Amino acid sequence: APGKEREGVASIDSLGSTTYADPVKGRFTISKDNAANT
């Protein structure tokens, strides 16, 4: 956000392990499509 530091929201590794920042837990979901590289 303007005037704020860039903060991590969610991550995912090649095995599908995910990590979420506390403010978005239960609301955001990270996923990837390996075939589409998306």
PDB file of all heavy atoms in Angstrom:
ATOM      1  N   ALA A   1       0.848  -1.181   0.000  1.00  0.00           N
ATOM      2  CA  ALA A   1       0.000   0.000   0.000  1.00  0.00           C
ATOM      3  C   ALA A   1       0.888   1.237   0.000  1.00  0.00           C
ATOM      4  O   ALA A   1       2.040   1.180   0.436  1.00  0.00           O
ATOM      5  CB  ALA A   1      -0.920  -0.006   1.214  1.00  0.00           C
ATOM      6  N   PRO A   2       0.379   2.374  -0.475  1.00  0.00           N
ATOM      7  CA  PRO A   2       1.176   3.601  -0.483  1.00  0.00           C
ATOM      8  C   PRO A   2       1.711   3.935   0.905  1.00  0.00           C
ATOM      9  O   PRO A   2       0.972   3.920   1.883  1.00  0.00           O
ATOM     10  CB  PRO A   2       0.193   4.660  -0.966  1.00  0.00           C
ATOM     11  CG  PRO A   2      -0.789   3.899  -1.795  1.00  0.00           C
ATOM     12  CD  PRO A   2      -0.945   2.580  -1.097  1.00  0.00           C
ATOM     13  N   GLY A   3       3.001   4.215   0.980  1.00  0.00           N
ATOM     14  CA  GLY A   3       3.620   4.562   2.239  1.00  0.00           C
ATOM     15  C   GLY A   3       3.926   3.388   3.141  1.00  0.00           C
ATOM     16  O   GLY A   3       4.427   3.589   4.248  1.00  0.00           O
ATOM     17  N   LYS A   4       3.636   2.185   2.688  1.00  0.00           N
ATOM     18  CA  LYS A   4       3.865   0.986   3.483  1.00  0.00           C
ATOM     19  C   LYS A   4       4.920   0.108   2.832  1.00  0.00           C
ATOM     20  O   LYS A   4       5.188   0.206   1.633  1.00  0.00           O
ATOM     21  CB  LYS A   4       2.572   0.192   3.651  1.00  0.00           C
ATOM     22  CG  LYS A   4       1.427   0.966   4.277  1.00  0.00           C
ATOM     23  CD  LYS A   4       1.690   1.251   5.735  1.00  0.00           C
ATOM     24  CE  LYS A   4       0.490   1.957   6.368  1.00  0.00           C
ATOM     25  NZ  LYS A   4      -0.725   1.093   6.372  1.00  0.00           N
ATOM     26  N   GLU A   5       5.520  -0.760   3.634  1.00  0.00           N
ATOM     27  CA  GLU A   5       6.471  -1.713   3.106  1.00  0.00           C
ATOM     28  C   GLU A   5       5.746  -2.841   2.388  1.00  0.00           C
ATOM     29  O   GLU A   5       4.600  -3.167   2.714  1.00  0.00           O
ATOM     30  CB  GLU A   5       7.333  -2.292   4.230  1.00  0.00           C
ATOM     31  CG  GLU A   5       8.257  -1.295   4.888  1.00  0.00           C
ATOM     32  CD  GLU A   5       9.177  -1.940   5.900  1.00  0.00           C
ATOM     33  OE1 GLU A   5       9.070  -3.161   6.120  1.00  0.00           O
ATOM     34  OE2 GLU A   5      10.011  -1.228   6.467  1.00  0.00           O
ATOM     35  N   ARG A   6       6.430  -3.413   1.422  1.00  0.00           N
ATOM     36  CA  ARG A   6       5.875  -4.557   0.730  1.00  0.00           C
ATOM     37  C   ARG A   6       5.855  -5.750   1.683  1.00  0.00           C
ATOM     38  O   ARG A   6       6.860  -6.068   2.320  1.00  0.00           O
ATOM     39  CB  ARG A   6       6.706  -4.870  -0.504  1.00  0.00           C
ATOM     40  CG  ARG A   6       6.079  -5.893  -1.429  1.00  0.00           C
ATOM     41  CD  ARG A   6       6.844  -5.991  -2.749  1.00  0.00           C
ATOM     42  NE  ARG A   6       6.853  -4.729  -3.464  1.00  0.00           N
ATOM     43  CZ  ARG A   6       7.338  -4.573  -4.679  1.00  0.00           C
ATOM     44  NH1 ARG A   6       7.852  -5.606  -5.340  1.00  0.00           N
ATOM     45  NH2 ARG A   6       7.321  -3.385  -5.251  1.00  0.00           N
ATOM     46  N   GLU A   7       4.715  -6.410   1.782  1.00  0.00           N
ATOM     47  CA  GLU A   7       4.569  -7.501   2.719  1.00  0.00           C
ATOM     48  C   GLU A   7       4.122  -8.773   2.014  1.00  0.00           C
ATOM     49  O   GLU A   7       3.359  -8.731   1.044  1.00  0.00           O
ATOM     50  CB  GLU A   7       3.570  -7.153   3.822  1.00  0.00           C
ATOM     51  CG  GLU A   7       2.164  -6.878   3.322  1.00  0.00           C
ATOM     52  CD  GLU A   7       1.196  -6.576   4.434  1.00  0.00           C
ATOM     53  OE1 GLU A   7       1.594  -6.590   5.614  1.00  0.00           O
ATOM     54  OE2 GLU A   7       0.005  -6.312   4.135  1.00  0.00           O
ATOM     55  N   GLY A   8       4.601  -9.885   2.520  1.00  0.00           N
ATOM     56  CA  GLY A   8       4.205 -11.166   1.976  1.00  0.00           C
ATOM     57  C   GLY A   8       2.778 -11.494   2.340  1.00  0.00           C
ATOM     58  O   GLY A   8       2.339 -11.266   3.472  1.00  0.00           O
ATOM     59  N   VAL A   9       2.047 -12.035   1.395  1.00  0.00           N
ATOM     60  CA  VAL A   9       0.653 -12.413   1.587  1.00  0.00           C
ATOM     61  C   VAL A   9       0.506 -13.925   1.672  1.00  0.00           C
ATOM     62  O   VAL A   9      -0.094 -14.450   2.605  1.00  0.00           O
ATOM     63  CB  VAL A   9      -0.227 -11.853   0.460  1.00  0.00           C
ATOM     64  CG1 VAL A   9      -1.662 -12.338   0.605  1.00  0.00           C
ATOM     65  CG2 VAL A   9      -0.168 -10.337   0.443  1.00  0.00           C
ATOM     66  N   ALA A  10       1.050 -14.622   0.693  1.00  0.00           N
ATOM     67  CA  ALA A  10       0.947 -16.069   0.648  1.00  0.00           C
ATOM     68  C   ALA A  10       2.024 -16.621  -0.253  1.00  0.00           C
ATOM     69  O   ALA A  10       2.448 -15.953  -1.199  1.00  0.00           O
ATOM     70  CB  ALA A  10      -0.433 -16.508   0.145  1.00  0.00           C
ATOM     71  N   SER A  11       2.469 -17.831   0.026  1.00  0.00           N
ATOM     72  CA  SER A  11       3.485 -18.477  -0.784  1.00  0.00           C
ATOM     73  C   SER A  11       3.126 -19.932  -0.998  1.00  0.00           C
ATOM     74  O   SER A  11       2.345 -20.520  -0.245  1.00  0.00           O
ATOM     75  CB  SER A  11       4.867 -18.370  -0.126  1.00  0.00           C
ATOM     76  OG  SER A  11       4.931 -19.147   1.060  1.00  0.00           O
ATOM     77  N   ILE A  12       3.728 -20.504  -2.021  1.00  0.00           N
ATOM     78  CA  ILE A  12       3.536 -21.917  -2.314  1.00  0.00           C
ATOM     79  C   ILE A  12       4.811 -22.454  -2.946  1.00  0.00           C
ATOM     80  O   ILE A  12       5.433 -21.774  -3.763  1.00  0.00           O
ATOM     81  CB  ILE A  12       2.305 -22.135  -3.231  1.00  0.00           C
ATOM     82  CG1 ILE A  12       2.006 -23.622  -3.401  1.00  0.00           C
ATOM     83  CG2 ILE A  12       2.503 -21.447  -4.585  1.00  0.00           C
ATOM     84  CD1 ILE A  12       0.643 -23.882  -4.028  1.00  0.00           C
ATOM     85  N   ASP A  13       5.218 -23.660  -2.554  1.00  0.00           N
ATOM     86  CA  ASP A  13       6.409 -24.238  -3.134  1.00  0.00           C
ATOM     87  C   ASP A  13       6.035 -25.292  -4.163  1.00  0.00           C
ATOM     88  O   ASP A  13       4.859 -25.543  -4.434  1.00  0.00           O
ATOM     89  CB  ASP A  13       7.357 -24.778  -2.054  1.00  0.00           C
ATOM     90  CG  ASP A  13       6.835 -26.004  -1.326  1.00  0.00           C
ATOM     91  OD1 ASP A  13       5.830 -26.607  -1.759  1.00  0.00           O
ATOM     92  OD2 ASP A  13       7.450 -26.372  -0.302  1.00  0.00           O
ATOM     93  N   SER A  14       7.047 -25.917  -4.732  1.00  0.00           N
ATOM     94  CA  SER A  14       6.800 -26.862  -5.818  1.00  0.00           C
ATOM     95  C   SER A  14       6.066 -28.112  -5.363  1.00  0.00           C
ATOM     96  O   SER A  14       5.499 -28.830  -6.195  1.00  0.00           O
ATOM     97  CB  SER A  14       8.116 -27.252  -6.492  1.00  0.00           C
ATOM     98  OG  SER A  14       8.939 -27.994  -5.613  1.00  0.00           O
ATOM     99  N   LEU A  15       6.078 -28.391  -4.060  1.00  0.00           N
ATOM    100  CA  LEU A  15       5.367 -29.536  -3.517  1.00  0.00           C
ATOM    101  C   LEU A  15       3.948 -29.194  -3.082  1.00  0.00           C
ATOM    102  O   LEU A  15       3.217 -30.071  -2.625  1.00  0.00           O
ATOM    103  CB  LEU A  15       6.142 -30.123  -2.339  1.00  0.00           C
ATOM    104  CG  LEU A  15       7.558 -30.599  -2.648  1.00  0.00           C
ATOM    105  CD1 LEU A  15       8.220 -31.134  -1.390  1.00  0.00           C
ATOM    106  CD2 LEU A  15       7.548 -31.655  -3.741  1.00  0.00           C
ATOM    107  N   GLY A  16       3.581 -27.921  -3.197  1.00  0.00           N
ATOM    108  CA  GLY A  16       2.247 -27.500  -2.823  1.00  0.00           C
ATOM    109  C   GLY A  16       2.105 -27.019  -1.398  1.00  0.00           C
ATOM    110  O   GLY A  16       0.982 -26.736  -0.961  1.00  0.00           O
ATOM    111  N   SER A  17       3.208 -26.924  -0.674  1.00  0.00           N
ATOM    112  CA  SER A  17       3.158 -26.418   0.691  1.00  0.00           C
ATOM    113  C   SER A  17       2.912 -24.916   0.679  1.00  0.00           C
ATOM    114  O   SER A  17       3.587 -24.178  -0.035  1.00  0.00           O
ATOM    115  CB  SER A  17       4.466 -26.732   1.412  1.00  0.00           C
ATOM    116  OG  SER A  17       4.448 -26.248   2.739  1.00  0.00           O
ATOM    117  N   THR A  18       1.956 -24.471   1.478  1.00  0.00           N
ATOM    118  CA  THR A  18       1.560 -23.063   1.469  1.00  0.00           C
ATOM    119  C   THR A  18       1.830 -22.394   2.802  1.00  0.00           C
ATOM    120  O   THR A  18       1.851 -23.034   3.857  1.00  0.00           O
ATOM    121  CB  THR A  18       0.072 -22.913   1.131  1.00  0.00           C
ATOM    122  OG1 THR A  18      -0.708 -23.630   2.099  1.00  0.00           O
ATOM    123  CG2 THR A  18      -0.222 -23.462  -0.256  1.00  0.00           C
ATOM    124  N   THR A  19       2.026 -21.095   2.736  1.00  0.00           N
ATOM    125  CA  THR A  19       2.195 -20.259   3.908  1.00  0.00           C
ATOM    126  C   THR A  19       1.372 -18.998   3.710  1.00  0.00           C
ATOM    127  O   THR A  19       1.391 -18.407   2.632  1.00  0.00           O
ATOM    128  CB  THR A  19       3.671 -19.883   4.125  1.00  0.00           C
ATOM    129  OG1 THR A  19       4.460 -21.068   4.251  1.00  0.00           O
ATOM    130  CG2 THR A  19       3.838 -19.054   5.397  1.00  0.00           C
ATOM    131  N   TYR A  20       0.653 -18.581   4.748  1.00  0.00           N
ATOM    132  CA  TYR A  20      -0.186 -17.393   4.671  1.00  0.00           C
ATOM    133  C   TYR A  20       0.162 -16.419   5.772  1.00  0.00           C
ATOM    134  O   TYR A  20       0.459 -16.810   6.903  1.00  0.00           O
ATOM    135  CB  TYR A  20      -1.663 -17.759   4.797  1.00  0.00           C
ATOM    136  CG  TYR A  20      -2.188 -18.575   3.659  1.00  0.00           C
ATOM    137  CD1 TYR A  20      -2.202 -19.958   3.720  1.00  0.00           C
ATOM    138  CD2 TYR A  20      -2.684 -17.954   2.514  1.00  0.00           C
ATOM    139  CE1 TYR A  20      -2.685 -20.714   2.668  1.00  0.00           C
ATOM    140  CE2 TYR A  20      -3.174 -18.704   1.460  1.00  0.00           C
ATOM    141  CZ  TYR A  20      -3.171 -20.083   1.544  1.00  0.00           C
ATOM    142  OH  TYR A  20      -3.660 -20.825   0.491  1.00  0.00           O
ATOM    143  N   ALA A  21       0.099 -15.158   5.429  1.00  0.00           N
ATOM    144  CA  ALA A  21       0.215 -14.127   6.440  1.00  0.00           C
ATOM    145  C   ALA A  21      -1.047 -14.124   7.297  1.00  0.00           C
ATOM    146  O   ALA A  21      -2.152 -14.390   6.803  1.00  0.00           O
ATOM    147  CB  ALA A  21       0.415 -12.763   5.793  1.00  0.00           C
ATOM    148  N   ASP A  22      -0.893 -13.819   8.572  1.00  0.00           N
ATOM    149  CA  ASP A  22      -2.026 -13.870   9.490  1.00  0.00           C
ATOM    150  C   ASP A  22      -3.245 -13.068   9.033  1.00  0.00           C
ATOM    151  O   ASP A  22      -4.378 -13.548   9.171  1.00  0.00           O
ATOM    152  CB  ASP A  22      -1.593 -13.409  10.878  1.00  0.00           C
ATOM    153  CG  ASP A  22      -0.747 -14.436  11.604  1.00  0.00           C
ATOM    154  OD1 ASP A  22      -0.770 -15.620  11.206  1.00  0.00           O
ATOM    155  OD2 ASP A  22      -0.068 -14.060  12.568  1.00  0.00           O
ATOM    156  N   PRO A  23      -3.079 -11.855   8.487  1.00  0.00           N
ATOM    157  CA  PRO A  23      -4.267 -11.071   8.131  1.00  0.00           C
ATOM    158  C   PRO A  23      -5.135 -11.681   7.042  1.00  0.00           C
ATOM    159  O   PRO A  23      -6.293 -11.283   6.905  1.00  0.00           O
ATOM    160  CB  PRO A  23      -3.674  -9.732   7.656  1.00  0.00           C
ATOM    161  CG  PRO A  23      -2.338  -9.657   8.313  1.00  0.00           C
ATOM    162  CD  PRO A  23      -1.848 -11.068   8.330  1.00  0.00           C
ATOM    163  N   VAL A  24      -4.605 -12.632   6.277  1.00  0.00           N
ATOM    164  CA  VAL A  24      -5.379 -13.188   5.172  1.00  0.00           C
ATOM    165  C   VAL A  24      -5.774 -14.637   5.384  1.00  0.00           C
ATOM    166  O   VAL A  24      -6.487 -15.204   4.549  1.00  0.00           O
ATOM    167  CB  VAL A  24      -4.625 -13.052   3.835  1.00  0.00           C
ATOM    168  CG1 VAL A  24      -4.169 -11.614   3.622  1.00  0.00           C
ATOM    169  CG2 VAL A  24      -3.431 -14.003   3.773  1.00  0.00           C
ATOM    170  N   LYS A  25      -5.358 -15.233   6.471  1.00  0.00           N
ATOM    171  CA  LYS A  25      -5.691 -16.629   6.736  1.00  0.00           C
ATOM    172  C   LYS A  25      -7.197 -16.813   6.810  1.00  0.00           C
ATOM    173  O   LYS A  25      -7.901 -16.053   7.463  1.00  0.00           O
ATOM    174  CB  LYS A  25      -5.046 -17.103   8.033  1.00  0.00           C
ATOM    175  CG  LYS A  25      -3.548 -17.300   7.940  1.00  0.00           C
ATOM    176  CD  LYS A  25      -2.968 -17.781   9.259  1.00  0.00           C
ATOM    177  CE  LYS A  25      -1.472 -18.004   9.151  1.00  0.00           C
ATOM    178  NZ  LYS A  25      -0.879 -18.408  10.452  1.00  0.00           N
ATOM    179  N   GLY A  26      -7.670 -17.830   6.125  1.00  0.00           N
ATOM    180  CA  GLY A  26      -9.092 -18.109   6.092  1.00  0.00           C
ATOM    181  C   GLY A  26      -9.852 -17.335   5.040  1.00  0.00           C
ATOM    182  O   GLY A  26     -11.025 -17.626   4.790  1.00  0.00           O
ATOM    183  N   ARG A  27      -9.211 -16.362   4.417  1.00  0.00           N
ATOM    184  CA  ARG A  27      -9.865 -15.546   3.394  1.00  0.00           C
ATOM    185  C   ARG A  27      -9.229 -15.705   2.016  1.00  0.00           C
ATOM    186  O   ARG A  27      -9.934 -15.658   1.012  1.00  0.00           O
ATOM    187  CB  ARG A  27      -9.831 -14.069   3.785  1.00  0.00           C
ATOM    188  CG  ARG A  27     -10.540 -13.769   5.098  1.00  0.00           C
ATOM    189  CD  ARG A  27     -10.673 -12.267   5.322  1.00  0.00           C
ATOM    190  NE  ARG A  27      -9.371 -11.615   5.435  1.00  0.00           N
ATOM    191  CZ  ARG A  27      -8.955 -10.631   4.646  1.00  0.00           C
ATOM    192  NH1 ARG A  27      -9.735 -10.176   3.673  1.00  0.00           N
ATOM    193  NH2 ARG A  27      -7.762 -10.086   4.839  1.00  0.00           N
ATOM    194  N   PHE A  28      -7.916 -15.868   1.983  1.00  0.00           N
ATOM    195  CA  PHE A  28      -7.190 -15.983   0.722  1.00  0.00           C
ATOM    196  C   PHE A  28      -6.699 -17.409   0.532  1.00  0.00           C
ATOM    197  O   PHE A  28      -6.355 -18.096   1.497  1.00  0.00           O
ATOM    198  CB  PHE A  28      -5.972 -15.052   0.705  1.00  0.00           C
ATOM    199  CG  PHE A  28      -6.277 -13.584   0.666  1.00  0.00           C
ATOM    200  CD1 PHE A  28      -7.566 -13.103   0.821  1.00  0.00           C
ATOM    201  CD2 PHE A  28      -5.249 -12.675   0.464  1.00  0.00           C
ATOM    202  CE1 PHE A  28      -7.840 -11.750   0.787  1.00  0.00           C
ATOM    203  CE2 PHE A  28      -5.511 -11.322   0.422  1.00  0.00           C
ATOM    204  CZ  PHE A  28      -6.797 -10.855   0.588  1.00  0.00           C
ATOM    205  N   THR A  29      -6.632 -17.826  -0.720  1.00  0.00           N
ATOM    206  CA  THR A  29      -6.107 -19.135  -1.057  1.00  0.00           C
ATOM    207  C   THR A  29      -5.153 -19.010  -2.230  1.00  0.00           C
ATOM    208  O   THR A  29      -5.528 -18.480  -3.281  1.00  0.00           O
ATOM    209  CB  THR A  29      -7.226 -20.123  -1.414  1.00  0.00           C
ATOM    210  OG1 THR A  29      -8.142 -20.237  -0.320  1.00  0.00           O
ATOM    211  CG2 THR A  29      -6.639 -21.497  -1.713  1.00  0.00           C
ATOM    212  N   ILE A  30      -3.928 -19.494  -2.056  1.00  0.00           N
ATOM    213  CA  ILE A  30      -2.953 -19.478  -3.124  1.00  0.00           C
ATOM    214  C   ILE A  30      -2.922 -20.853  -3.777  1.00  0.00           C
ATOM    215  O   ILE A  30      -3.042 -21.878  -3.102  1.00  0.00           O
ATOM    216  CB  ILE A  30      -1.556 -19.080  -2.599  1.00  0.00           C
ATOM    217  CG1 ILE A  30      -0.578 -18.860  -3.756  1.00  0.00           C
ATOM    218  CG2 ILE A  30      -1.014 -20.111  -1.616  1.00  0.00           C
ATOM    219  CD1 ILE A  30       0.752 -18.241  -3.323  1.00  0.00           C
ATOM    220  N   SER A  31      -2.777 -20.875  -5.073  1.00  0.00           N
ATOM    221  CA  SER A  31      -2.708 -22.130  -5.801  1.00  0.00           C
ATOM    222  C   SER A  31      -1.903 -21.927  -7.068  1.00  0.00           C
ATOM    223  O   SER A  31      -1.651 -20.796  -7.480  1.00  0.00           O
ATOM    224  CB  SER A  31      -4.109 -22.655  -6.133  1.00  0.00           C
ATOM    225  OG  SER A  31      -4.812 -21.759  -6.969  1.00  0.00           O
ATOM    226  N   LYS A  32      -1.503 -23.020  -7.669  1.00  0.00           N
ATOM    227  CA  LYS A  32      -0.784 -22.930  -8.925  1.00  0.00           C
ATOM    228  C   LYS A  32      -1.195 -24.049  -9.857  1.00  0.00           C
ATOM    229  O   LYS A  32      -1.596 -25.128  -9.425  1.00  0.00           O
ATOM    230  CB  LYS A  32       0.729 -22.943  -8.709  1.00  0.00           C
ATOM    231  CG  LYS A  32       1.273 -24.205  -8.071  1.00  0.00           C
ATOM    232  CD  LYS A  32       2.781 -24.123  -7.918  1.00  0.00           C
ATOM    233  CE  LYS A  32       3.339 -25.385  -7.298  1.00  0.00           C
ATOM    234  NZ  LYS A  32       4.818 -25.323  -7.177  1.00  0.00           N
ATOM    235  N   ASP A  33      -1.102 -23.764 -11.124  1.00  0.00           N
ATOM    236  CA  ASP A  33      -1.356 -24.720 -12.178  1.00  0.00           C
ATOM    237  C   ASP A  33      -0.011 -24.969 -12.851  1.00  0.00           C
ATOM    238  O   ASP A  33       0.469 -24.132 -13.613  1.00  0.00           O
ATOM    239  CB  ASP A  33      -2.374 -24.166 -13.164  1.00  0.00           C
ATOM    240  CG  ASP A  33      -2.740 -25.145 -14.263  1.00  0.00           C
ATOM    241  OD1 ASP A  33      -1.941 -26.051 -14.558  1.00  0.00           O
ATOM    242  OD2 ASP A  33      -3.832 -24.990 -14.839  1.00  0.00           O
ATOM    243  N   ASN A  34       0.593 -26.093 -12.539  1.00  0.00           N
ATOM    244  CA  ASN A  34       1.927 -26.366 -13.058  1.00  0.00           C
ATOM    245  C   ASN A  34       1.944 -26.518 -14.579  1.00  0.00           C
ATOM    246  O   ASN A  34       2.906 -26.112 -15.229  1.00  0.00           O
ATOM    247  CB  ASN A  34       2.495 -27.622 -12.410  1.00  0.00           C
ATOM    248  CG  ASN A  34       2.839 -27.412 -10.954  1.00  0.00           C
ATOM    249  OD1 ASN A  34       3.318 -26.338 -10.565  1.00  0.00           O
ATOM    250  ND2 ASN A  34       2.619 -28.426 -10.128  1.00  0.00           N
ATOM    251  N   ALA A  35       0.903 -27.107 -15.124  1.00  0.00           N
ATOM    252  CA  ALA A  35       0.850 -27.297 -16.564  1.00  0.00           C
ATOM    253  C   ALA A  35       0.819 -25.965 -17.300  1.00  0.00           C
ATOM    254  O   ALA A  35       1.469 -25.798 -18.334  1.00  0.00           O
ATOM    255  CB  ALA A  35      -0.358 -28.141 -16.946  1.00  0.00           C
ATOM    256  N   ALA A  36       0.071 -25.015 -16.756  1.00  0.00           N
ATOM    257  CA  ALA A  36      -0.036 -23.698 -17.370  1.00  0.00           C
ATOM    258  C   ALA A  36       1.013 -22.733 -16.863  1.00  0.00           C
ATOM    259  O   ALA A  36       1.117 -21.614 -17.376  1.00  0.00           O
ATOM    260  CB  ALA A  36      -1.426 -23.128 -17.131  1.00  0.00           C
ATOM    261  N   ASN A  37       1.768 -23.147 -15.852  1.00  0.00           N
ATOM    262  CA  ASN A  37       2.770 -22.298 -15.219  1.00  0.00           C
ATOM    263  C   ASN A  37       2.141 -20.982 -14.761  1.00  0.00           C
ATOM    264  O   ASN A  37       2.628 -19.893 -15.059  1.00  0.00           O
ATOM    265  CB  ASN A  37       3.947 -22.035 -16.154  1.00  0.00           C
ATOM    266  CG  ASN A  37       5.231 -21.738 -15.406  1.00  0.00           C
ATOM    267  OD1 ASN A  37       5.322 -21.923 -14.195  1.00  0.00           O
ATOM    268  ND2 ASN A  37       6.245 -21.275 -16.125  1.00  0.00           N
ATOM    269  N   THR A  38       1.051 -21.129 -14.024  1.00  0.00           N
ATOM    270  CA  THR A  38       0.271 -19.988 -13.585  1.00  0.00           C
ATOM    271  C   THR A  38       0.039 -20.056 -12.077  1.00  0.00           C
ATOM    272  O   THR A  38      -0.272 -21.119 -11.534  1.00  0.00           O
ATOM    273  CB  THR A  38      -1.083 -19.942 -14.308  1.00  0.00           C
ATOM    274  OG1 THR A  38      -0.865 -19.855 -15.717  1.00  0.00           O
ATOM    275  CG2 THR A  38      -1.898 -18.747 -13.856  1.00  0.00           C
TER     276      THR A  38
END
